[in-house]
Amino acid sequence: PLTPIGLVATAGNKQVNLTWSANTDSDLLRHRIFRSTTSPGNSLIDSVVSGSTTYSDTSVINETMYFYRIAAVDSSLNQSVFSGQVSATPKAPPQNLIATAGNAQVSLKWSKVGTANLKFYHIYRGTSSPASTLIDSTSAGNASDTSRTITGLTNGTLYYFRVTVVDTSGNQSGFSNEVKAAPFGAPQNLA
């Protein structure tokens, strides 16, 4: 069978999601998923039927690096050469995100994450749910920068926010809880 291509691993909270390009073999039977905590990933953990191009590994532990490869199997049970190897480190997302609205601004605060090798917290915003536009990256080197005030917002507009954490290897956690807030103007012309 043709060697699988385009394998990508995306870490989340207690899971790693794999995606790859569709295989064009007419007699493709399945893809085998291989994983290990040391390179190369060579322990068979599961298989998916032909036509599938995704797999979610939910038997992983946060803060552990996993290596993955896949192989195609045809109807005669011939196995292809392994795909290229990818790796990912699942991470717990920031917790207890809260938003406090102010005049043309929203203040965000969340709990410190116990993730090793922190580099950044990413802040996402949107005017609809889920918040998906990256608007800021706060330094997380000391793990204590757990707040940010977002300014320049439009009063009366409802904004949604989520936060992730990124480590020094570029692994990003899943999203925190989502919060929403609408900035408001202060009363004017008090006499």
N, C-alpha and C. Protein backbone atom coordinates (compact mmCIF):
# COMPACT_ATOMS: atom_id res chain seq x y z
N PRO A 1 0.83 -1.21 0.00
CA PRO A 1 0.00 0.00 0.00
C PRO A 1 0.86 1.26 0.00
N LEU A 2 0.25 2.36 -0.40
CA LEU A 2 0.95 3.64 -0.38
C LEU A 2 1.27 4.06 1.06
N THR A 3 2.42 4.70 1.24
CA THR A 3 2.80 5.21 2.55
C THR A 3 1.92 6.40 2.91
N PRO A 4 1.32 6.41 4.10
CA PRO A 4 0.50 7.56 4.51
C PRO A 4 1.34 8.83 4.58
N ILE A 5 0.75 9.95 4.19
CA ILE A 5 1.45 11.23 4.22
C ILE A 5 0.61 12.26 4.96
N GLY A 6 1.26 13.37 5.32
CA GLY A 6 0.55 14.50 5.92
C GLY A 6 0.13 14.30 7.36
N LEU A 7 0.81 13.40 8.09
CA LEU A 7 0.43 13.16 9.48
C LEU A 7 0.74 14.39 10.33
N VAL A 8 -0.26 14.81 11.12
CA VAL A 8 -0.13 15.95 12.03
C VAL A 8 -0.69 15.54 13.38
N ALA A 9 0.01 15.90 14.45
CA ALA A 9 -0.46 15.63 15.82
C ALA A 9 -0.74 16.96 16.51
N THR A 10 -1.92 17.05 17.13
CA THR A 10 -2.30 18.26 17.86
C THR A 10 -2.64 17.86 19.29
N ALA A 11 -1.92 18.44 20.24
CA ALA A 11 -2.13 18.10 21.65
C ALA A 11 -3.33 18.83 22.21
N GLY A 12 -4.01 18.21 23.15
CA GLY A 12 -5.10 18.82 23.88
C GLY A 12 -4.98 18.44 25.34
N ASN A 13 -6.05 18.56 26.08
CA ASN A 13 -6.07 18.17 27.49
C ASN A 13 -6.35 16.68 27.58
N LYS A 14 -5.33 15.91 27.99
CA LYS A 14 -5.43 14.45 28.12
C LYS A 14 -5.78 13.77 26.81
N GLN A 15 -5.37 14.37 25.68
CA GLN A 15 -5.59 13.73 24.39
C GLN A 15 -4.65 14.30 23.34
N VAL A 16 -4.41 13.49 22.31
CA VAL A 16 -3.66 13.93 21.13
C VAL A 16 -4.51 13.57 19.92
N ASN A 17 -4.78 14.55 19.05
CA ASN A 17 -5.57 14.33 17.85
C ASN A 17 -4.64 14.22 16.65
N LEU A 18 -4.81 13.15 15.87
CA LEU A 18 -4.02 12.91 14.67
C LEU A 18 -4.88 13.13 13.44
N THR A 19 -4.29 13.74 12.42
CA THR A 19 -4.93 13.86 11.10
C THR A 19 -3.90 13.52 10.05
N TRP A 20 -4.36 13.02 8.90
CA TRP A 20 -3.46 12.71 7.80
C TRP A 20 -4.21 12.81 6.49
N SER A 21 -3.46 12.78 5.40
CA SER A 21 -4.06 12.89 4.07
C SER A 21 -4.74 11.59 3.68
N ALA A 22 -5.80 11.71 2.89
CA ALA A 22 -6.54 10.52 2.44
C ALA A 22 -5.65 9.64 1.56
N ASN A 23 -5.81 8.33 1.70
CA ASN A 23 -5.06 7.36 0.90
C ASN A 23 -5.90 6.98 -0.32
N THR A 24 -5.27 6.91 -1.50
CA THR A 24 -6.00 6.65 -2.74
C THR A 24 -5.96 5.18 -3.17
N ASP A 25 -5.37 4.31 -2.35
CA ASP A 25 -5.35 2.88 -2.70
C ASP A 25 -6.77 2.33 -2.79
N SER A 26 -7.07 1.61 -3.86
CA SER A 26 -8.42 1.06 -4.05
C SER A 26 -8.71 -0.09 -3.10
N ASP A 27 -7.67 -0.77 -2.60
CA ASP A 27 -7.89 -1.92 -1.72
C ASP A 27 -7.44 -1.63 -0.28
N LEU A 28 -7.47 -0.36 0.11
CA LEU A 28 -7.09 0.01 1.47
C LEU A 28 -8.09 -0.58 2.47
N LEU A 29 -7.57 -1.23 3.50
CA LEU A 29 -8.41 -1.85 4.52
C LEU A 29 -8.48 -0.99 5.78
N ARG A 30 -7.32 -0.53 6.24
CA ARG A 30 -7.28 0.25 7.49
C ARG A 30 -5.95 0.99 7.60
N HIS A 31 -5.89 1.88 8.59
CA HIS A 31 -4.64 2.51 9.00
C HIS A 31 -4.34 2.03 10.42
N ARG A 32 -3.09 1.66 10.66
CA ARG A 32 -2.64 1.29 11.99
C ARG A 32 -1.97 2.49 12.64
N ILE A 33 -2.28 2.69 13.94
CA ILE A 33 -1.74 3.81 14.70
C ILE A 33 -0.68 3.28 15.65
N PHE A 34 0.53 3.86 15.57
CA PHE A 34 1.64 3.45 16.42
C PHE A 34 2.05 4.62 17.30
N ARG A 35 2.40 4.30 18.57
CA ARG A 35 2.75 5.35 19.52
C ARG A 35 3.83 4.85 20.45
N SER A 36 4.62 5.80 20.98
CA SER A 36 5.62 5.48 21.98
C SER A 36 5.98 6.76 22.72
N THR A 37 6.56 6.61 23.91
CA THR A 37 7.07 7.78 24.63
C THR A 37 8.55 7.99 24.33
N THR A 38 9.12 7.14 23.49
CA THR A 38 10.49 7.33 22.98
C THR A 38 10.42 7.20 21.47
N SER A 39 11.33 7.89 20.80
CA SER A 39 11.34 7.84 19.33
C SER A 39 12.07 6.58 18.88
N PRO A 40 11.58 5.85 17.89
CA PRO A 40 10.37 6.11 17.10
C PRO A 40 9.12 5.52 17.75
N GLY A 41 7.96 6.05 17.34
CA GLY A 41 6.68 5.51 17.81
C GLY A 41 6.43 4.17 17.14
N ASN A 42 6.57 3.08 17.89
CA ASN A 42 6.47 1.77 17.24
C ASN A 42 5.59 0.77 17.95
N SER A 43 4.79 1.19 18.93
CA SER A 43 3.86 0.27 19.60
C SER A 43 2.47 0.46 19.01
N LEU A 44 1.92 -0.60 18.44
CA LEU A 44 0.58 -0.53 17.85
C LEU A 44 -0.43 -0.29 18.97
N ILE A 45 -1.22 0.81 18.83
CA ILE A 45 -2.22 1.11 19.86
C ILE A 45 -3.65 0.97 19.34
N ASP A 46 -3.84 1.07 18.02
CA ASP A 46 -5.20 0.99 17.49
C ASP A 46 -5.14 0.98 15.97
N SER A 47 -6.29 0.79 15.35
CA SER A 47 -6.40 0.92 13.89
C SER A 47 -7.76 1.53 13.57
N VAL A 48 -7.83 2.18 12.41
CA VAL A 48 -9.09 2.79 11.97
C VAL A 48 -9.39 2.30 10.56
N VAL A 49 -10.65 2.24 10.22
CA VAL A 49 -11.07 1.70 8.92
C VAL A 49 -10.67 2.62 7.79
N SER A 50 -10.63 2.06 6.59
CA SER A 50 -10.28 2.86 5.41
C SER A 50 -11.28 4.01 5.27
N GLY A 51 -10.79 5.11 4.76
CA GLY A 51 -11.62 6.30 4.63
C GLY A 51 -11.45 7.26 5.79
N SER A 52 -11.00 6.76 6.94
CA SER A 52 -10.76 7.63 8.09
C SER A 52 -9.43 8.37 7.91
N THR A 53 -9.42 9.62 8.27
CA THR A 53 -8.19 10.41 8.22
C THR A 53 -7.96 11.14 9.54
N THR A 54 -8.62 10.66 10.60
CA THR A 54 -8.43 11.25 11.93
C THR A 54 -8.43 10.16 12.98
N TYR A 55 -7.79 10.49 14.10
CA TYR A 55 -7.79 9.59 15.25
C TYR A 55 -7.53 10.42 16.50
N SER A 56 -8.29 10.16 17.57
CA SER A 56 -8.08 10.83 18.85
C SER A 56 -7.57 9.83 19.86
N ASP A 57 -6.36 10.07 20.35
CA ASP A 57 -5.76 9.20 21.37
C ASP A 57 -6.07 9.81 22.73
N THR A 58 -6.97 9.17 23.46
CA THR A 58 -7.39 9.68 24.76
C THR A 58 -6.80 8.88 25.91
N SER A 59 -5.83 8.03 25.60
CA SER A 59 -5.19 7.23 26.65
C SER A 59 -3.79 7.78 26.96
N VAL A 60 -3.68 9.10 27.00
CA VAL A 60 -2.39 9.75 27.24
C VAL A 60 -2.44 10.52 28.55
N ILE A 61 -1.26 10.89 29.03
CA ILE A 61 -1.12 11.62 30.29
C ILE A 61 -0.55 12.99 29.98
N ASN A 62 -1.13 14.02 30.57
CA ASN A 62 -0.62 15.38 30.37
C ASN A 62 0.84 15.48 30.78
N GLU A 63 1.57 16.34 30.08
CA GLU A 63 2.99 16.63 30.33
C GLU A 63 3.92 15.50 29.90
N THR A 64 3.44 14.52 29.13
CA THR A 64 4.28 13.44 28.60
C THR A 64 4.33 13.58 27.09
N MET A 65 5.54 13.53 26.52
CA MET A 65 5.67 13.63 25.06
C MET A 65 5.42 12.26 24.44
N TYR A 66 4.60 12.25 23.38
CA TYR A 66 4.28 11.03 22.64
C TYR A 66 4.71 11.17 21.19
N PHE A 67 5.23 10.07 20.63
CA PHE A 67 5.65 10.01 19.23
C PHE A 67 4.68 9.10 18.49
N TYR A 68 4.28 9.50 17.29
CA TYR A 68 3.29 8.76 16.50
C TYR A 68 3.78 8.52 15.08
N ARG A 69 3.39 7.35 14.55
CA ARG A 69 3.52 7.04 13.13
C ARG A 69 2.29 6.23 12.76
N ILE A 70 1.94 6.22 11.50
CA ILE A 70 0.85 5.37 11.03
C ILE A 70 1.32 4.57 9.82
N ALA A 71 0.60 3.50 9.54
CA ALA A 71 0.88 2.68 8.36
C ALA A 71 -0.44 2.24 7.75
N ALA A 72 -0.46 2.11 6.44
CA ALA A 72 -1.65 1.65 5.72
C ALA A 72 -1.59 0.13 5.59
N VAL A 73 -2.77 -0.51 5.61
CA VAL A 73 -2.88 -1.95 5.44
C VAL A 73 -3.90 -2.21 4.34
N ASP A 74 -3.54 -3.06 3.36
CA ASP A 74 -4.47 -3.35 2.27
C ASP A 74 -5.28 -4.61 2.57
N SER A 75 -6.17 -4.97 1.65
CA SER A 75 -7.07 -6.10 1.87
C SER A 75 -6.34 -7.44 1.93
N SER A 76 -5.08 -7.50 1.46
CA SER A 76 -4.27 -8.73 1.58
C SER A 76 -3.44 -8.70 2.85
N LEU A 77 -3.67 -7.71 3.71
CA LEU A 77 -2.98 -7.52 4.98
C LEU A 77 -1.51 -7.14 4.84
N ASN A 78 -1.14 -6.59 3.68
CA ASN A 78 0.19 -6.04 3.51
C ASN A 78 0.22 -4.67 4.20
N GLN A 79 1.31 -4.41 4.91
CA GLN A 79 1.45 -3.12 5.59
C GLN A 79 2.45 -2.25 4.84
N SER A 80 2.13 -0.97 4.74
CA SER A 80 2.99 0.00 4.06
C SER A 80 4.20 0.35 4.93
N VAL A 81 5.07 1.13 4.35
CA VAL A 81 6.15 1.76 5.10
C VAL A 81 5.50 2.77 6.06
N PHE A 82 6.14 3.01 7.21
CA PHE A 82 5.61 3.98 8.17
C PHE A 82 5.57 5.39 7.58
N SER A 83 4.60 6.14 8.03
CA SER A 83 4.53 7.57 7.71
C SER A 83 5.69 8.28 8.40
N GLY A 84 5.85 9.56 8.12
CA GLY A 84 6.77 10.37 8.89
C GLY A 84 6.29 10.42 10.33
N GLN A 85 7.22 10.61 11.24
CA GLN A 85 6.89 10.63 12.66
C GLN A 85 6.54 12.05 13.11
N VAL A 86 5.56 12.15 14.02
CA VAL A 86 5.19 13.42 14.64
C VAL A 86 5.16 13.22 16.15
N SER A 87 5.18 14.31 16.88
CA SER A 87 5.11 14.21 18.34
C SER A 87 4.21 15.30 18.89
N ALA A 88 3.72 15.08 20.10
CA ALA A 88 2.88 16.06 20.79
C ALA A 88 2.92 15.79 22.28
N THR A 89 2.73 16.84 23.06
CA THR A 89 2.70 16.74 24.52
C THR A 89 1.38 17.31 25.01
N PRO A 90 0.44 16.46 25.44
CA PRO A 90 -0.83 16.98 25.94
C PRO A 90 -0.63 17.83 27.19
N LYS A 91 -1.47 18.86 27.31
CA LYS A 91 -1.36 19.82 28.42
C LYS A 91 -2.73 20.19 28.94
N ALA A 92 -2.79 20.44 30.25
CA ALA A 92 -4.02 20.93 30.85
C ALA A 92 -4.21 22.39 30.47
N PRO A 93 -5.42 22.80 30.12
CA PRO A 93 -5.66 24.20 29.77
C PRO A 93 -5.74 25.07 31.02
N PRO A 94 -5.62 26.38 30.86
CA PRO A 94 -5.85 27.29 31.99
C PRO A 94 -7.27 27.08 32.53
N GLN A 95 -7.44 27.30 33.82
CA GLN A 95 -8.73 27.07 34.49
C GLN A 95 -9.25 28.38 35.08
N ASN A 96 -10.55 28.39 35.36
CA ASN A 96 -11.21 29.45 36.12
C ASN A 96 -11.07 30.84 35.49
N LEU A 97 -11.17 30.90 34.17
CA LEU A 97 -11.12 32.19 33.49
C LEU A 97 -12.34 33.02 33.85
N ILE A 98 -12.11 34.28 34.24
CA ILE A 98 -13.22 35.20 34.52
C ILE A 98 -12.98 36.50 33.76
N ALA A 99 -14.06 37.20 33.43
CA ALA A 99 -13.98 38.46 32.69
C ALA A 99 -14.77 39.52 33.45
N THR A 100 -14.16 40.72 33.55
CA THR A 100 -14.81 41.85 34.20
C THR A 100 -14.83 43.02 33.21
N ALA A 101 -16.03 43.47 32.88
CA ALA A 101 -16.18 44.55 31.90
C ALA A 101 -15.91 45.90 32.54
N GLY A 102 -15.36 46.82 31.74
CA GLY A 102 -15.12 48.20 32.15
C GLY A 102 -15.44 49.12 30.99
N ASN A 103 -14.96 50.33 31.04
CA ASN A 103 -15.20 51.31 29.99
C ASN A 103 -14.26 51.02 28.82
N ALA A 104 -14.80 50.51 27.72
CA ALA A 104 -14.05 50.17 26.51
C ALA A 104 -12.96 49.13 26.77
N GLN A 105 -13.14 48.32 27.81
CA GLN A 105 -12.14 47.29 28.11
C GLN A 105 -12.76 46.13 28.87
N VAL A 106 -12.04 45.00 28.85
CA VAL A 106 -12.42 43.82 29.63
C VAL A 106 -11.15 43.31 30.30
N SER A 107 -11.23 43.08 31.61
CA SER A 107 -10.11 42.52 32.36
C SER A 107 -10.32 41.02 32.51
N LEU A 108 -9.29 40.25 32.16
CA LEU A 108 -9.34 38.79 32.24
C LEU A 108 -8.41 38.30 33.34
N LYS A 109 -8.82 37.25 34.03
CA LYS A 109 -7.99 36.64 35.06
C LYS A 109 -8.25 35.14 35.04
N TRP A 110 -7.19 34.34 35.25
CA TRP A 110 -7.31 32.88 35.27
C TRP A 110 -6.34 32.30 36.28
N SER A 111 -6.53 31.03 36.62
CA SER A 111 -5.66 30.36 37.59
C SER A 111 -4.34 29.96 36.95
N LYS A 112 -3.29 29.99 37.76
CA LYS A 112 -1.96 29.60 37.31
C LYS A 112 -1.98 28.14 36.88
N VAL A 113 -1.28 27.83 35.79
CA VAL A 113 -1.22 26.47 35.26
C VAL A 113 0.05 25.80 35.76
N GLY A 114 -0.06 24.52 36.16
CA GLY A 114 1.09 23.79 36.67
C GLY A 114 1.91 23.11 35.60
N THR A 115 1.81 23.56 34.36
CA THR A 115 2.53 22.97 33.24
C THR A 115 4.01 23.31 33.31
N ALA A 116 4.84 22.32 33.01
CA ALA A 116 6.29 22.54 32.98
C ALA A 116 6.67 23.34 31.73
N ASN A 117 7.75 24.10 31.82
CA ASN A 117 8.32 24.83 30.68
C ASN A 117 7.35 25.80 30.03
N LEU A 118 6.60 26.54 30.82
CA LEU A 118 5.66 27.52 30.26
C LEU A 118 6.39 28.58 29.46
N LYS A 119 5.77 29.01 28.36
CA LYS A 119 6.33 30.11 27.59
C LYS A 119 5.32 31.24 27.44
N PHE A 120 4.10 30.91 27.00
CA PHE A 120 3.08 31.94 26.77
C PHE A 120 1.72 31.46 27.20
N TYR A 121 0.86 32.42 27.51
CA TYR A 121 -0.57 32.21 27.51
C TYR A 121 -1.07 32.91 26.24
N HIS A 122 -1.87 32.23 25.44
CA HIS A 122 -2.50 32.86 24.27
C HIS A 122 -3.92 33.26 24.66
N ILE A 123 -4.31 34.46 24.28
CA ILE A 123 -5.66 34.95 24.56
C ILE A 123 -6.40 35.07 23.23
N TYR A 124 -7.59 34.47 23.18
CA TYR A 124 -8.43 34.47 21.98
C TYR A 124 -9.70 35.27 22.25
N ARG A 125 -10.15 36.01 21.23
CA ARG A 125 -11.35 36.85 21.36
C ARG A 125 -12.24 36.65 20.14
N GLY A 126 -13.51 36.88 20.33
CA GLY A 126 -14.47 36.86 19.22
C GLY A 126 -15.72 37.60 19.63
N THR A 127 -16.52 37.99 18.64
CA THR A 127 -17.81 38.61 18.93
C THR A 127 -18.93 37.57 18.82
N SER A 128 -18.53 36.33 18.59
CA SER A 128 -19.46 35.19 18.65
C SER A 128 -18.69 34.02 19.25
N SER A 129 -19.42 33.06 19.73
CA SER A 129 -18.82 31.88 20.36
C SER A 129 -18.58 30.80 19.31
N PRO A 130 -17.45 30.11 19.34
CA PRO A 130 -16.34 30.23 20.29
C PRO A 130 -15.34 31.29 19.87
N ALA A 131 -14.68 31.89 20.87
CA ALA A 131 -13.64 32.88 20.60
C ALA A 131 -12.49 32.20 19.90
N SER A 132 -12.11 32.68 18.70
CA SER A 132 -11.11 31.96 17.92
C SER A 132 -10.02 32.83 17.29
N THR A 133 -10.04 34.14 17.55
CA THR A 133 -9.03 35.03 16.99
C THR A 133 -7.97 35.31 18.05
N LEU A 134 -6.72 34.91 17.77
CA LEU A 134 -5.63 35.16 18.69
C LEU A 134 -5.35 36.66 18.73
N ILE A 135 -5.45 37.26 19.93
CA ILE A 135 -5.26 38.71 20.03
C ILE A 135 -4.06 39.09 20.88
N ASP A 136 -3.55 38.17 21.70
CA ASP A 136 -2.46 38.53 22.60
C ASP A 136 -1.75 37.27 23.07
N SER A 137 -0.45 37.42 23.36
CA SER A 137 0.34 36.36 23.96
C SER A 137 1.06 36.96 25.15
N THR A 138 0.76 36.48 26.33
CA THR A 138 1.39 37.00 27.53
C THR A 138 2.52 36.08 27.95
N SER A 139 3.60 36.64 28.41
CA SER A 139 4.73 35.85 28.88
C SER A 139 4.28 35.00 30.06
N ALA A 140 4.66 33.74 30.06
CA ALA A 140 4.27 32.84 31.15
C ALA A 140 5.49 32.20 31.78
N GLY A 141 6.66 32.79 31.56
CA GLY A 141 7.89 32.19 32.05
C GLY A 141 7.89 31.92 33.54
N ASN A 142 7.27 32.79 34.32
CA ASN A 142 7.23 32.56 35.76
C ASN A 142 5.88 32.01 36.21
N ALA A 143 5.00 31.75 35.30
CA ALA A 143 3.67 31.15 35.54
C ALA A 143 2.77 32.02 36.39
N SER A 144 3.18 33.27 36.66
CA SER A 144 2.35 34.11 37.51
C SER A 144 1.64 35.22 36.75
N ASP A 145 1.92 35.37 35.46
CA ASP A 145 1.24 36.38 34.65
C ASP A 145 -0.10 35.81 34.21
N THR A 146 -1.08 35.89 35.09
CA THR A 146 -2.37 35.24 34.85
C THR A 146 -3.50 36.25 34.74
N SER A 147 -3.20 37.42 34.22
CA SER A 147 -4.25 38.41 34.01
C SER A 147 -3.85 39.32 32.85
N ARG A 148 -4.84 39.91 32.25
CA ARG A 148 -4.59 40.82 31.13
C ARG A 148 -5.84 41.69 30.97
N THR A 149 -5.62 42.99 30.70
CA THR A 149 -6.72 43.90 30.40
C THR A 149 -6.70 44.18 28.91
N ILE A 150 -7.79 43.87 28.24
CA ILE A 150 -7.94 44.07 26.80
C ILE A 150 -8.62 45.42 26.60
N THR A 151 -7.93 46.34 25.95
CA THR A 151 -8.44 47.70 25.78
C THR A 151 -8.85 47.95 24.33
N GLY A 152 -9.42 49.12 24.09
CA GLY A 152 -9.81 49.51 22.73
C GLY A 152 -11.05 48.80 22.24
N LEU A 153 -11.88 48.31 23.15
CA LEU A 153 -13.10 47.60 22.77
C LEU A 153 -14.26 48.58 22.60
N THR A 154 -15.30 48.13 21.93
CA THR A 154 -16.48 48.96 21.68
C THR A 154 -17.50 48.74 22.78
N ASN A 155 -17.87 49.81 23.47
CA ASN A 155 -18.88 49.69 24.53
C ASN A 155 -20.19 49.16 23.96
N GLY A 156 -20.85 48.28 24.71
CA GLY A 156 -22.12 47.71 24.30
C GLY A 156 -22.00 46.48 23.42
N THR A 157 -20.79 46.12 22.99
CA THR A 157 -20.58 44.93 22.17
C THR A 157 -20.21 43.76 23.07
N LEU A 158 -20.83 42.61 22.85
CA LEU A 158 -20.54 41.42 23.64
C LEU A 158 -19.33 40.71 23.05
N TYR A 159 -18.31 40.50 23.88
CA TYR A 159 -17.08 39.82 23.47
C TYR A 159 -16.94 38.50 24.21
N TYR A 160 -16.39 37.50 23.51
CA TYR A 160 -16.12 36.18 24.08
C TYR A 160 -14.61 36.00 24.16
N PHE A 161 -14.13 35.31 25.22
CA PHE A 161 -12.70 35.11 25.42
C PHE A 161 -12.40 33.68 25.85
N ARG A 162 -11.23 33.18 25.40
CA ARG A 162 -10.69 31.90 25.86
C ARG A 162 -9.16 32.04 25.95
N VAL A 163 -8.52 31.18 26.73
CA VAL A 163 -7.08 31.24 26.94
C VAL A 163 -6.50 29.83 26.78
N THR A 164 -5.27 29.74 26.22
CA THR A 164 -4.52 28.49 26.17
C THR A 164 -3.14 28.76 26.74
N VAL A 165 -2.40 27.69 27.01
CA VAL A 165 -1.01 27.81 27.45
C VAL A 165 -0.12 27.12 26.42
N VAL A 166 1.07 27.69 26.19
CA VAL A 166 2.03 27.15 25.23
C VAL A 166 3.35 26.94 25.96
N ASP A 167 3.99 25.77 25.73
CA ASP A 167 5.27 25.52 26.38
C ASP A 167 6.43 25.91 25.47
N THR A 168 7.65 25.75 25.96
CA THR A 168 8.84 26.18 25.22
C THR A 168 9.08 25.36 23.96
N SER A 169 8.43 24.21 23.83
CA SER A 169 8.55 23.39 22.61
C SER A 169 7.46 23.71 21.60
N GLY A 170 6.57 24.65 21.94
CA GLY A 170 5.50 25.03 21.03
C GLY A 170 4.23 24.23 21.18
N ASN A 171 4.16 23.32 22.17
CA ASN A 171 2.94 22.56 22.41
C ASN A 171 1.91 23.46 23.06
N GLN A 172 0.71 23.48 22.51
CA GLN A 172 -0.36 24.33 23.03
C GLN A 172 -1.44 23.46 23.65
N SER A 173 -1.94 23.92 24.80
CA SER A 173 -3.01 23.20 25.48
C SER A 173 -4.32 23.39 24.74
N GLY A 174 -5.34 22.70 25.22
CA GLY A 174 -6.69 22.98 24.77
C GLY A 174 -7.14 24.32 25.35
N PHE A 175 -8.36 24.72 25.04
CA PHE A 175 -8.88 26.01 25.48
C PHE A 175 -9.38 25.95 26.91
N SER A 176 -9.27 27.09 27.59
CA SER A 176 -9.89 27.27 28.90
C SER A 176 -11.41 27.32 28.71
N ASN A 177 -12.11 27.47 29.83
CA ASN A 177 -13.54 27.78 29.73
C ASN A 177 -13.69 29.10 28.98
N GLU A 178 -14.83 29.29 28.35
CA GLU A 178 -15.09 30.53 27.62
C GLU A 178 -15.89 31.48 28.50
N VAL A 179 -15.52 32.77 28.46
CA VAL A 179 -16.26 33.80 29.20
C VAL A 179 -16.71 34.88 28.23
N LYS A 180 -17.67 35.67 28.65
CA LYS A 180 -18.14 36.77 27.81
C LYS A 180 -18.37 37.99 28.67
N ALA A 181 -18.22 39.15 28.04
CA ALA A 181 -18.43 40.42 28.74
C ALA A 181 -18.68 41.50 27.70
N ALA A 182 -19.48 42.49 28.10
CA ALA A 182 -19.77 43.65 27.25
C ALA A 182 -19.29 44.91 27.93
N PRO A 183 -18.26 45.56 27.39
CA PRO A 183 -17.79 46.82 27.99
C PRO A 183 -18.91 47.85 28.01
N PHE A 184 -18.83 48.79 28.95
CA PHE A 184 -19.87 49.81 29.07
C PHE A 184 -19.22 51.15 29.40
N GLY A 185 -19.85 52.22 28.98
CA GLY A 185 -19.35 53.56 29.26
C GLY A 185 -19.75 54.04 30.64
N ALA A 186 -18.92 54.86 31.21
CA ALA A 186 -19.24 55.45 32.51
C ALA A 186 -20.30 56.53 32.34
N PRO A 187 -21.10 56.77 33.37
CA PRO A 187 -22.08 57.87 33.31
C PRO A 187 -21.37 59.19 33.02
N GLN A 188 -22.01 60.07 32.29
CA GLN A 188 -21.41 61.34 31.90
C GLN A 188 -22.23 62.51 32.45
N ASN A 189 -21.60 63.68 32.54
CA ASN A 189 -22.24 64.96 32.86
C ASN A 189 -22.99 64.93 34.18
N LEU A 190 -22.41 64.28 35.18
CA LEU A 190 -23.01 64.28 36.52
C LEU A 190 -23.01 65.71 37.06
N ALA A 191 -24.17 66.15 37.53
CA ALA A 191 -24.26 67.52 38.06
C ALA A 191 -24.69 67.46 39.52
